[in-house]
Amino acid sequence: MKAAPFSYHAPQSVEDAVGLLSTLENARVLAGGQSLMPMMNLRLAAPDHLVDINRVPGLAGLRIGAGRIEIGAMTRQADLLASDDLAAAAPIFRAALKHVGHIQTRARGTIGGSCCHLDPAAELPALCALLDAQFEAFGPNGSRAVAARDWFRGYLESALAENEILCAIGFAPWPSGHGFGFHEVARRHGDFAVAGAAALLARDETGATKRAAVVVFGVEPAPVRLAAFERAIVGRTIDEAAIEAASEAARKLDAMGDAHVGADHRRRIGGVVVARALREAAGMNGGAK
């Protein structure tokens, strides 16, 4: 099947792109195209106008400072995976990106495209939720920042308005030496995850937790932070009882069911991957269970 007819536009600036989105009816932004183009070919999406932002300068690149990491929305997933600087500052990215699609899709797919499409099982939006990222959008009224807690509006729905462009994603790095873990279960490597989890841990010299972040994705329509567990674990060590508490919290999520995986099974898998991610972040048995 081929896509329905559409008009193609190639703006040369963010302002031009926003102008097109503000004046054209039924327009969609083309970033990496790894989700949009298959949907168009299957007639699941039929925009009348395609606004290609690949030639817009300034939307790609990685900027790492002492207190902030900023990733341009058009930065390719393959470039993020290959960046040793990003792996040193935020090692969870390399751990997660190895699970994102395949080498061919990562070469074109962008972090911004994934964070605007918001497939529930996508790894990069989950990392943004984990890291309390801030999304920088530009629209007719100028720039605005959206916190990760406000970005996720529902199934395949972000806070980005139809006439806005996502320009960058920023977050504060965790302290050097923090623990991290990432695990997901998929039917085949590169497929969307049935369920996945990521964890970050910062501990003091006694091994007590100073800060924790745990996210579950692929279970509900948007990534879910286990906020109650994160608060409860501060001042405590990560042991089997703590891991079971986090796993139990994941098993209580309002899971989705589909033709391939039932809700109960997805909840059980959520509990498993949370336990594995926490064990890995804590350096316990390589995360295995």
C-alpha atoms as a PDB file:
ATOM      1  CA  MET A   1       0.000   0.000   0.000  1.00  0.00           C
ATOM      2  CA  LYS A   2       1.162   3.543  -0.693  1.00  0.00           C
ATOM      3  CA  ALA A   3       0.548   6.781   1.143  1.00  0.00           C
ATOM      4  CA  ALA A   4      -2.392   8.990   0.231  1.00  0.00           C
ATOM      5  CA  PRO A   5      -1.491  12.089  -1.832  1.00  0.00           C
ATOM      6  CA  PHE A   6       0.074  14.946   0.115  1.00  0.00           C
ATOM      7  CA  SER A   7       1.922  18.222  -0.449  1.00  0.00           C
ATOM      8  CA  TYR A   8       5.555  18.388   0.627  1.00  0.00           C
ATOM      9  CA  HIS A   9       7.130  21.415   2.346  1.00  0.00           C
ATOM     10  CA  ALA A  10      10.790  21.923   3.306  1.00  0.00           C
ATOM     11  CA  PRO A  11      11.119  24.972   5.595  1.00  0.00           C
ATOM     12  CA  GLN A  12      14.560  26.413   6.231  1.00  0.00           C
ATOM     13  CA  SER A  13      13.932  27.752   9.743  1.00  0.00           C
ATOM     14  CA  VAL A  14      11.912  26.959  12.847  1.00  0.00           C
ATOM     15  CA  GLU A  15       9.858  30.096  12.248  1.00  0.00           C
ATOM     16  CA  ASP A  16       9.022  28.982   8.706  1.00  0.00           C
ATOM     17  CA  ALA A  17       8.016  25.531   9.938  1.00  0.00           C
ATOM     18  CA  VAL A  18       5.745  27.005  12.608  1.00  0.00           C
ATOM     19  CA  GLY A  19       4.238  29.341  10.023  1.00  0.00           C
ATOM     20  CA  LEU A  20       3.382  26.401   7.787  1.00  0.00           C
ATOM     21  CA  LEU A  21       1.875  24.428  10.659  1.00  0.00           C
ATOM     22  CA  SER A  22      -0.182  27.455  11.660  1.00  0.00           C
ATOM     23  CA  THR A  23      -1.668  28.032   8.194  1.00  0.00           C
ATOM     24  CA  LEU A  24      -1.952  24.587   6.620  1.00  0.00           C
ATOM     25  CA  GLU A  25      -4.789  22.241   7.478  1.00  0.00           C
ATOM     26  CA  ASN A  26      -4.061  18.619   8.362  1.00  0.00           C
ATOM     27  CA  ALA A  27      -0.276  19.060   8.381  1.00  0.00           C
ATOM     28  CA  ARG A  28       2.237  16.731  10.034  1.00  0.00           C
ATOM     29  CA  VAL A  29       5.907  17.233  10.865  1.00  0.00           C
ATOM     30  CA  LEU A  30       8.434  14.857   9.296  1.00  0.00           C
ATOM     31  CA  ALA A  31      11.483  14.240  11.488  1.00  0.00           C
ATOM     32  CA  GLY A  32      13.117  10.818  11.148  1.00  0.00           C
ATOM     33  CA  GLY A  33       9.991   9.328   9.620  1.00  0.00           C
ATOM     34  CA  GLN A  34      10.429   5.911  11.231  1.00  0.00           C
ATOM     35  CA  SER A  35       6.905   5.979  12.681  1.00  0.00           C
ATOM     36  CA  LEU A  36       5.086   8.442  10.451  1.00  0.00           C
ATOM     37  CA  MET A  37       6.020   6.985   7.065  1.00  0.00           C
ATOM     38  CA  PRO A  38       4.901   3.408   7.853  1.00  0.00           C
ATOM     39  CA  MET A  39       1.658   4.820   9.252  1.00  0.00           C
ATOM     40  CA  MET A  40       1.136   6.809   6.051  1.00  0.00           C
ATOM     41  CA  ASN A  41       1.879   3.800   3.860  1.00  0.00           C
ATOM     42  CA  LEU A  42      -0.647   1.763   5.826  1.00  0.00           C
ATOM     43  CA  ARG A  43      -3.172   4.649   5.574  1.00  0.00           C
ATOM     44  CA  LEU A  44      -3.265   4.896   9.364  1.00  0.00           C
ATOM     45  CA  ALA A  45      -2.250   8.534   8.899  1.00  0.00           C
ATOM     46  CA  ALA A  46      -3.190  10.651   5.892  1.00  0.00           C
ATOM     47  CA  PRO A  47      -1.882  14.211   6.252  1.00  0.00           C
ATOM     48  CA  ASP A  48      -2.600  16.639   3.438  1.00  0.00           C
ATOM     49  CA  HIS A  49       0.720  18.406   4.089  1.00  0.00           C
ATOM     50  CA  LEU A  50       4.090  17.070   5.187  1.00  0.00           C
ATOM     51  CA  VAL A  51       6.437  19.626   6.791  1.00  0.00           C
ATOM     52  CA  ASP A  52       9.986  18.236   6.607  1.00  0.00           C
ATOM     53  CA  ILE A  53      12.230  19.795   9.281  1.00  0.00           C
ATOM     54  CA  ASN A  54      15.378  17.838   8.380  1.00  0.00           C
ATOM     55  CA  ARG A  55      16.965  20.912   6.751  1.00  0.00           C
ATOM     56  CA  VAL A  56      16.166  23.288   9.590  1.00  0.00           C
ATOM     57  CA  PRO A  57      19.486  24.334  11.199  1.00  0.00           C
ATOM     58  CA  GLY A  58      20.078  24.199  14.923  1.00  0.00           C
ATOM     59  CA  LEU A  59      17.703  21.359  15.767  1.00  0.00           C
ATOM     60  CA  ALA A  60      20.334  18.616  16.104  1.00  0.00           C
ATOM     61  CA  GLY A  61      23.305  18.268  18.373  1.00  0.00           C
ATOM     62  CA  LEU A  62      24.401  17.377  21.883  1.00  0.00           C
ATOM     63  CA  ARG A  63      25.487  19.980  24.430  1.00  0.00           C
ATOM     64  CA  ILE A  64      26.863  18.753  27.760  1.00  0.00           C
ATOM     65  CA  GLY A  65      27.587  21.249  30.532  1.00  0.00           C
ATOM     66  CA  ALA A  66      28.428  20.933  34.200  1.00  0.00           C
ATOM     67  CA  GLY A  67      24.822  21.141  35.318  1.00  0.00           C
ATOM     68  CA  ARG A  68      22.747  20.446  32.220  1.00  0.00           C
ATOM     69  CA  ILE A  69      22.615  18.169  29.196  1.00  0.00           C
ATOM     70  CA  GLU A  70      20.695  19.378  26.156  1.00  0.00           C
ATOM     71  CA  ILE A  71      19.854  17.232  23.147  1.00  0.00           C
ATOM     72  CA  GLY A  72      18.525  18.758  19.941  1.00  0.00           C
ATOM     73  CA  ALA A  73      15.217  17.209  18.939  1.00  0.00           C
ATOM     74  CA  MET A  74      16.527  16.214  15.501  1.00  0.00           C
ATOM     75  CA  THR A  75      19.546  14.348  16.898  1.00  0.00           C
ATOM     76  CA  ARG A  76      19.619  10.848  15.428  1.00  0.00           C
ATOM     77  CA  GLN A  77      19.350   7.896  17.759  1.00  0.00           C
ATOM     78  CA  ALA A  78      22.506   6.396  16.258  1.00  0.00           C
ATOM     79  CA  ASP A  79      24.471   9.543  17.136  1.00  0.00           C
ATOM     80  CA  LEU A  80      23.271   9.368  20.733  1.00  0.00           C
ATOM     81  CA  LEU A  81      24.254   5.713  20.946  1.00  0.00           C
ATOM     82  CA  ALA A  82      27.716   6.458  19.539  1.00  0.00           C
ATOM     83  CA  SER A  83      28.422   9.452  21.806  1.00  0.00           C
ATOM     84  CA  ASP A  84      31.031   8.607  24.431  1.00  0.00           C
ATOM     85  CA  ASP A  85      30.421  11.984  26.078  1.00  0.00           C
ATOM     86  CA  LEU A  86      26.735  11.174  26.590  1.00  0.00           C
ATOM     87  CA  ALA A  87      27.601   7.666  27.794  1.00  0.00           C
ATOM     88  CA  ALA A  88      29.932   9.167  30.395  1.00  0.00           C
ATOM     89  CA  ALA A  89      27.456  11.800  31.590  1.00  0.00           C
ATOM     90  CA  ALA A  90      24.238   9.750  31.342  1.00  0.00           C
ATOM     91  CA  PRO A  91      25.140   6.064  30.818  1.00  0.00           C
ATOM     92  CA  ILE A  92      21.487   4.970  30.916  1.00  0.00           C
ATOM     93  CA  PHE A  93      21.142   6.312  27.357  1.00  0.00           C
ATOM     94  CA  ARG A  94      23.583   3.823  25.854  1.00  0.00           C
ATOM     95  CA  ALA A  95      22.027   0.977  27.820  1.00  0.00           C
ATOM     96  CA  ALA A  96      18.568   1.866  26.503  1.00  0.00           C
ATOM     97  CA  LEU A  97      19.469   2.778  22.930  1.00  0.00           C
ATOM     98  CA  LYS A  98      20.822  -0.699  22.256  1.00  0.00           C
ATOM     99  CA  HIS A  99      17.190  -1.835  22.466  1.00  0.00           C
ATOM    100  CA  VAL A 100      15.759   0.871  20.185  1.00  0.00           C
ATOM    101  CA  GLY A 101      14.757  -0.615  16.829  1.00  0.00           C
ATOM    102  CA  HIS A 102      17.598  -1.719  14.574  1.00  0.00           C
ATOM    103  CA  ILE A 103      20.748  -0.135  13.172  1.00  0.00           C
ATOM    104  CA  GLN A 104      18.845   1.030  10.084  1.00  0.00           C
ATOM    105  CA  THR A 105      16.024   2.724  11.998  1.00  0.00           C
ATOM    106  CA  ARG A 106      18.395   4.298  14.521  1.00  0.00           C
ATOM    107  CA  ALA A 107      20.309   5.901  11.650  1.00  0.00           C
ATOM    108  CA  ARG A 108      17.220   7.960  10.754  1.00  0.00           C
ATOM    109  CA  GLY A 109      15.091   7.991  13.894  1.00  0.00           C
ATOM    110  CA  THR A 110      15.357  11.049  16.137  1.00  0.00           C
ATOM    111  CA  ILE A 111      14.876  11.539  19.855  1.00  0.00           C
ATOM    112  CA  GLY A 112      12.362  14.306  19.194  1.00  0.00           C
ATOM    113  CA  GLY A 113      10.344  12.187  16.810  1.00  0.00           C
ATOM    114  CA  SER A 114      10.071   9.423  19.385  1.00  0.00           C
ATOM    115  CA  CYS A 115       9.116  11.880  22.135  1.00  0.00           C
ATOM    116  CA  CYS A 116       6.378  13.407  19.972  1.00  0.00           C
ATOM    117  CA  HIS A 117       4.975  10.136  18.616  1.00  0.00           C
ATOM    118  CA  LEU A 118       4.963   8.629  22.145  1.00  0.00           C
ATOM    119  CA  ASP A 119       4.470   4.956  21.538  1.00  0.00           C
ATOM    120  CA  PRO A 120       3.853   3.535  25.039  1.00  0.00           C
ATOM    121  CA  ALA A 121       6.712   1.050  24.603  1.00  0.00           C
ATOM    122  CA  ALA A 122       9.274   3.560  23.299  1.00  0.00           C
ATOM    123  CA  GLU A 123      12.477   3.714  25.296  1.00  0.00           C
ATOM    124  CA  LEU A 124      13.503   7.365  24.789  1.00  0.00           C
ATOM    125  CA  PRO A 125      10.331   8.974  26.171  1.00  0.00           C
ATOM    126  CA  ALA A 126      10.702   6.688  29.191  1.00  0.00           C
ATOM    127  CA  LEU A 127      14.232   7.992  29.755  1.00  0.00           C
ATOM    128  CA  CYS A 128      12.942  11.560  29.585  1.00  0.00           C
ATOM    129  CA  ALA A 129      10.391  10.713  32.268  1.00  0.00           C
ATOM    130  CA  LEU A 130      13.112   9.023  34.343  1.00  0.00           C
ATOM    131  CA  LEU A 131      15.408  12.054  34.126  1.00  0.00           C
ATOM    132  CA  ASP A 132      12.725  14.696  34.767  1.00  0.00           C
ATOM    133  CA  ALA A 133      13.539  16.189  31.388  1.00  0.00           C
ATOM    134  CA  GLN A 134      12.302  19.512  30.099  1.00  0.00           C
ATOM    135  CA  PHE A 135      10.926  19.786  26.579  1.00  0.00           C
ATOM    136  CA  GLU A 136      11.647  23.039  24.709  1.00  0.00           C
ATOM    137  CA  ALA A 137       8.907  23.850  22.199  1.00  0.00           C
ATOM    138  CA  PHE A 138       8.595  26.748  19.766  1.00  0.00           C
ATOM    139  CA  GLY A 139       5.315  28.030  18.390  1.00  0.00           C
ATOM    140  CA  PRO A 140       3.582  31.191  17.173  1.00  0.00           C
ATOM    141  CA  ASN A 141       3.951  32.764  20.624  1.00  0.00           C
ATOM    142  CA  GLY A 142       7.634  31.941  20.944  1.00  0.00           C
ATOM    143  CA  SER A 143       9.404  29.381  23.115  1.00  0.00           C
ATOM    144  CA  ARG A 144       7.990  27.534  26.077  1.00  0.00           C
ATOM    145  CA  ALA A 145       9.273  24.816  28.378  1.00  0.00           C
ATOM    146  CA  VAL A 146       7.229  21.765  29.330  1.00  0.00           C
ATOM    147  CA  ALA A 147       8.230  19.554  32.241  1.00  0.00           C
ATOM    148  CA  ALA A 148       8.214  15.806  31.670  1.00  0.00           C
ATOM    149  CA  ARG A 149       5.397  15.357  34.179  1.00  0.00           C
ATOM    150  CA  ASP A 150       3.210  17.547  31.934  1.00  0.00           C
ATOM    151  CA  TRP A 151       4.417  16.250  28.568  1.00  0.00           C
ATOM    152  CA  PHE A 152       2.592  12.908  28.574  1.00  0.00           C
ATOM    153  CA  ARG A 153      -1.123  13.473  27.957  1.00  0.00           C
ATOM    154  CA  GLY A 154      -2.283   9.961  27.051  1.00  0.00           C
ATOM    155  CA  TYR A 155      -1.949   7.322  24.382  1.00  0.00           C
ATOM    156  CA  LEU A 156       0.207   8.745  21.545  1.00  0.00           C
ATOM    157  CA  GLU A 157      -0.526  12.247  22.831  1.00  0.00           C
ATOM    158  CA  SER A 158       1.982  14.849  24.011  1.00  0.00           C
ATOM    159  CA  ALA A 159       1.574  18.408  25.250  1.00  0.00           C
ATOM    160  CA  LEU A 160       2.945  19.758  21.945  1.00  0.00           C
ATOM    161  CA  ALA A 161       0.396  21.883  20.105  1.00  0.00           C
ATOM    162  CA  GLU A 162      -0.337  21.209  16.435  1.00  0.00           C
ATOM    163  CA  ASN A 163       1.443  24.416  15.399  1.00  0.00           C
ATOM    164  CA  GLU A 164       4.530  23.913  17.585  1.00  0.00           C
ATOM    165  CA  ILE A 165       7.932  22.330  16.941  1.00  0.00           C
ATOM    166  CA  LEU A 166       9.898  20.427  19.572  1.00  0.00           C
ATOM    167  CA  CYS A 167      13.370  21.965  19.480  1.00  0.00           C
ATOM    168  CA  ALA A 168      15.340  20.373  22.306  1.00  0.00           C
ATOM    169  CA  ILE A 169      15.219  18.190  25.403  1.00  0.00           C
ATOM    170  CA  GLY A 170      17.232  19.105  28.475  1.00  0.00           C
ATOM    171  CA  PHE A 171      17.892  17.538  31.863  1.00  0.00           C
ATOM    172  CA  ALA A 172      20.281  17.738  34.786  1.00  0.00           C
ATOM    173  CA  PRO A 173      22.858  14.923  34.923  1.00  0.00           C
ATOM    174  CA  TRP A 174      23.009  12.632  37.921  1.00  0.00           C
ATOM    175  CA  PRO A 175      26.200  12.653  40.045  1.00  0.00           C
ATOM    176  CA  SER A 176      29.228  10.799  38.766  1.00  0.00           C
ATOM    177  CA  GLY A 177      29.272   7.147  39.783  1.00  0.00           C
ATOM    178  CA  HIS A 178      25.516   6.749  40.154  1.00  0.00           C
ATOM    179  CA  GLY A 179      24.044   3.320  39.549  1.00  0.00           C
ATOM    180  CA  PHE A 180      21.831   2.632  36.567  1.00  0.00           C
ATOM    181  CA  GLY A 181      19.871  -0.274  35.172  1.00  0.00           C
ATOM    182  CA  PHE A 182      17.744  -0.869  32.101  1.00  0.00           C
ATOM    183  CA  HIS A 183      15.774  -3.969  31.159  1.00  0.00           C
ATOM    184  CA  GLU A 184      12.951  -4.778  28.798  1.00  0.00           C
ATOM    185  CA  VAL A 185      11.177  -7.844  27.451  1.00  0.00           C
ATOM    186  CA  ALA A 186      10.275  -7.976  23.757  1.00  0.00           C
ATOM    187  CA  ARG A 187       9.155 -10.817  21.522  1.00  0.00           C
ATOM    188  CA  ARG A 188      12.231 -10.258  19.347  1.00  0.00           C
ATOM    189  CA  HIS A 189      15.211  -7.974  19.779  1.00  0.00           C
ATOM    190  CA  GLY A 190      14.355  -4.614  18.254  1.00  0.00           C
ATOM    191  CA  ASP A 191      10.599  -5.069  18.611  1.00  0.00           C
ATOM    192  CA  PHE A 192       8.636  -2.740  20.841  1.00  0.00           C
ATOM    193  CA  ALA A 193       8.847  -3.895  24.419  1.00  0.00           C
ATOM    194  CA  VAL A 194       6.060  -5.851  26.095  1.00  0.00           C
ATOM    195  CA  ALA A 195       7.257  -3.995  29.197  1.00  0.00           C
ATOM    196  CA  GLY A 196      10.445  -2.278  30.259  1.00  0.00           C
ATOM    197  CA  ALA A 197      11.969  -0.465  33.203  1.00  0.00           C
ATOM    198  CA  ALA A 198      14.881   1.826  33.978  1.00  0.00           C
ATOM    199  CA  ALA A 199      16.361   2.797  37.327  1.00  0.00           C
ATOM    200  CA  LEU A 200      18.854   5.338  38.652  1.00  0.00           C
ATOM    201  CA  LEU A 201      20.388   5.224  42.144  1.00  0.00           C
ATOM    202  CA  ALA A 202      22.626   7.649  44.008  1.00  0.00           C
ATOM    203  CA  ARG A 203      23.990   6.367  47.342  1.00  0.00           C
ATOM    204  CA  ASP A 204      26.139   7.697  50.139  1.00  0.00           C
ATOM    205  CA  GLU A 205      29.339   6.169  51.498  1.00  0.00           C
ATOM    206  CA  THR A 206      27.359   3.791  53.732  1.00  0.00           C
ATOM    207  CA  GLY A 207      25.315   2.445  50.828  1.00  0.00           C
ATOM    208  CA  ALA A 208      22.104   4.217  51.841  1.00  0.00           C
ATOM    209  CA  THR A 209      20.030   5.653  49.029  1.00  0.00           C
ATOM    210  CA  LYS A 210      20.237   9.425  48.632  1.00  0.00           C
ATOM    211  CA  ARG A 211      18.090   9.578  45.503  1.00  0.00           C
ATOM    212  CA  ALA A 212      16.254   7.085  43.320  1.00  0.00           C
ATOM    213  CA  ALA A 213      14.290   7.186  40.094  1.00  0.00           C
ATOM    214  CA  VAL A 214      12.408   4.233  38.601  1.00  0.00           C
ATOM    215  CA  VAL A 215      10.240   4.286  35.480  1.00  0.00           C
ATOM    216  CA  VAL A 216       8.097   1.570  33.918  1.00  0.00           C
ATOM    217  CA  PHE A 217       7.120   1.763  30.258  1.00  0.00           C
ATOM    218  CA  GLY A 218       5.038  -0.287  27.863  1.00  0.00           C
ATOM    219  CA  VAL A 219       2.533  -1.161  30.585  1.00  0.00           C
ATOM    220  CA  GLU A 220       0.298   1.925  30.686  1.00  0.00           C
ATOM    221  CA  PRO A 221      -0.294   4.357  27.790  1.00  0.00           C
ATOM    222  CA  ALA A 222       2.567   6.547  29.057  1.00  0.00           C
ATOM    223  CA  PRO A 223       5.708   5.944  31.131  1.00  0.00           C
ATOM    224  CA  VAL A 224       5.036   5.699  34.869  1.00  0.00           C
ATOM    225  CA  ARG A 225       7.407   6.782  37.622  1.00  0.00           C
ATOM    226  CA  LEU A 226       7.218   4.699  40.800  1.00  0.00           C
ATOM    227  CA  ALA A 227       7.209   7.882  42.872  1.00  0.00           C
ATOM    228  CA  ALA A 228       6.031   6.353  46.143  1.00  0.00           C
ATOM    229  CA  PHE A 229       8.835   3.782  46.049  1.00  0.00           C
ATOM    230  CA  GLU A 230      11.391   6.474  45.177  1.00  0.00           C
ATOM    231  CA  ARG A 231      10.424   8.462  48.271  1.00  0.00           C
ATOM    232  CA  ALA A 232      10.262   5.436  50.556  1.00  0.00           C
ATOM    233  CA  ILE A 233      13.709   4.113  49.634  1.00  0.00           C
ATOM    234  CA  VAL A 234      15.605   7.318  50.515  1.00  0.00           C
ATOM    235  CA  GLY A 235      17.825   6.640  53.525  1.00  0.00           C
ATOM    236  CA  ARG A 236      17.534   2.872  53.072  1.00  0.00           C
ATOM    237  CA  THR A 237      19.690   0.331  51.302  1.00  0.00           C
ATOM    238  CA  ILE A 238      18.463  -1.553  48.266  1.00  0.00           C
ATOM    239  CA  ASP A 239      17.799  -5.105  49.410  1.00  0.00           C
ATOM    240  CA  GLU A 240      15.490  -7.894  48.301  1.00  0.00           C
ATOM    241  CA  ALA A 241      12.603  -6.520  50.344  1.00  0.00           C
ATOM    242  CA  ALA A 242      12.943  -3.126  48.663  1.00  0.00           C
ATOM    243  CA  ILE A 243      13.145  -4.724  45.229  1.00  0.00           C
ATOM    244  CA  GLU A 244      10.017  -6.760  45.918  1.00  0.00           C
ATOM    245  CA  ALA A 245       8.199  -3.584  47.002  1.00  0.00           C
ATOM    246  CA  ALA A 246       9.080  -1.878  43.720  1.00  0.00           C
ATOM    247  CA  SER A 247       8.121  -4.971  41.746  1.00  0.00           C
ATOM    248  CA  GLU A 248       4.772  -5.131  43.530  1.00  0.00           C
ATOM    249  CA  ALA A 249       4.120  -1.469  42.698  1.00  0.00           C
ATOM    250  CA  ALA A 250       4.715  -2.248  39.021  1.00  0.00           C
ATOM    251  CA  ARG A 251       2.336  -5.207  39.186  1.00  0.00           C
ATOM    252  CA  LYS A 252      -0.427  -2.862  40.375  1.00  0.00           C
ATOM    253  CA  LEU A 253      -0.279  -0.565  37.354  1.00  0.00           C
ATOM    254  CA  ASP A 254      -3.328  -0.169  35.127  1.00  0.00           C
ATOM    255  CA  ALA A 255      -1.908  -2.303  32.335  1.00  0.00           C
ATOM    256  CA  MET A 256      -3.028  -2.359  28.724  1.00  0.00           C
ATOM    257  CA  GLY A 257      -3.973  -5.538  26.905  1.00  0.00           C
ATOM    258  CA  ASP A 258      -3.778  -6.178  23.169  1.00  0.00           C
ATOM    259  CA  ALA A 259      -3.999  -9.007  20.643  1.00  0.00           C
ATOM    260  CA  HIS A 260      -0.522 -10.241  21.600  1.00  0.00           C
ATOM    261  CA  VAL A 261      -0.239  -9.669  25.357  1.00  0.00           C
ATOM    262  CA  GLY A 262      -2.939  -9.608  28.033  1.00  0.00           C
ATOM    263  CA  ALA A 263      -3.002  -6.980  30.760  1.00  0.00           C
ATOM    264  CA  ASP A 264      -2.203  -9.474  33.547  1.00  0.00           C
ATOM    265  CA  HIS A 265       0.827 -10.801  31.699  1.00  0.00           C
ATOM    266  CA  ARG A 266       2.044  -7.283  30.980  1.00  0.00           C
ATOM    267  CA  ARG A 267       1.767  -6.415  34.690  1.00  0.00           C
ATOM    268  CA  ARG A 268       3.774  -9.508  35.646  1.00  0.00           C
ATOM    269  CA  ILE A 269       6.475  -8.651  33.111  1.00  0.00           C
ATOM    270  CA  GLY A 270       6.513  -5.100  34.481  1.00  0.00           C
ATOM    271  CA  GLY A 271       7.310  -6.454  37.910  1.00  0.00           C
ATOM    272  CA  VAL A 272      10.120  -8.612  36.532  1.00  0.00           C
ATOM    273  CA  VAL A 273      11.856  -5.835  34.587  1.00  0.00           C
ATOM    274  CA  VAL A 274      11.640  -3.413  37.520  1.00  0.00           C
ATOM    275  CA  ALA A 275      13.380  -5.961  39.737  1.00  0.00           C
ATOM    276  CA  ARG A 276      16.074  -6.549  37.127  1.00  0.00           C
ATOM    277  CA  ALA A 277      16.675  -2.831  36.548  1.00  0.00           C
ATOM    278  CA  LEU A 278      16.970  -2.135  40.276  1.00  0.00           C
ATOM    279  CA  ARG A 279      19.333  -5.040  40.853  1.00  0.00           C
ATOM    280  CA  GLU A 280      21.528  -3.797  38.040  1.00  0.00           C
ATOM    281  CA  ALA A 281      21.483  -0.214  39.361  1.00  0.00           C
ATOM    282  CA  ALA A 282      22.431  -1.507  42.809  1.00  0.00           C
ATOM    283  CA  GLY A 283      25.150  -3.824  41.466  1.00  0.00           C
ATOM    284  CA  MET A 284      23.370  -6.956  42.658  1.00  0.00           C
ATOM    285  CA  ASN A 285      24.013 -10.064  40.549  1.00  0.00           C
ATOM    286  CA  GLY A 286      24.132  -8.148  37.269  1.00  0.00           C
ATOM    287  CA  GLY A 287      20.394  -7.508  37.411  1.00  0.00           C
ATOM    288  CA  ALA A 288      19.483 -11.161  36.799  1.00  0.00           C
ATOM    289  CA  LYS A 289      16.606 -12.921  38.464  1.00  0.00           C
END
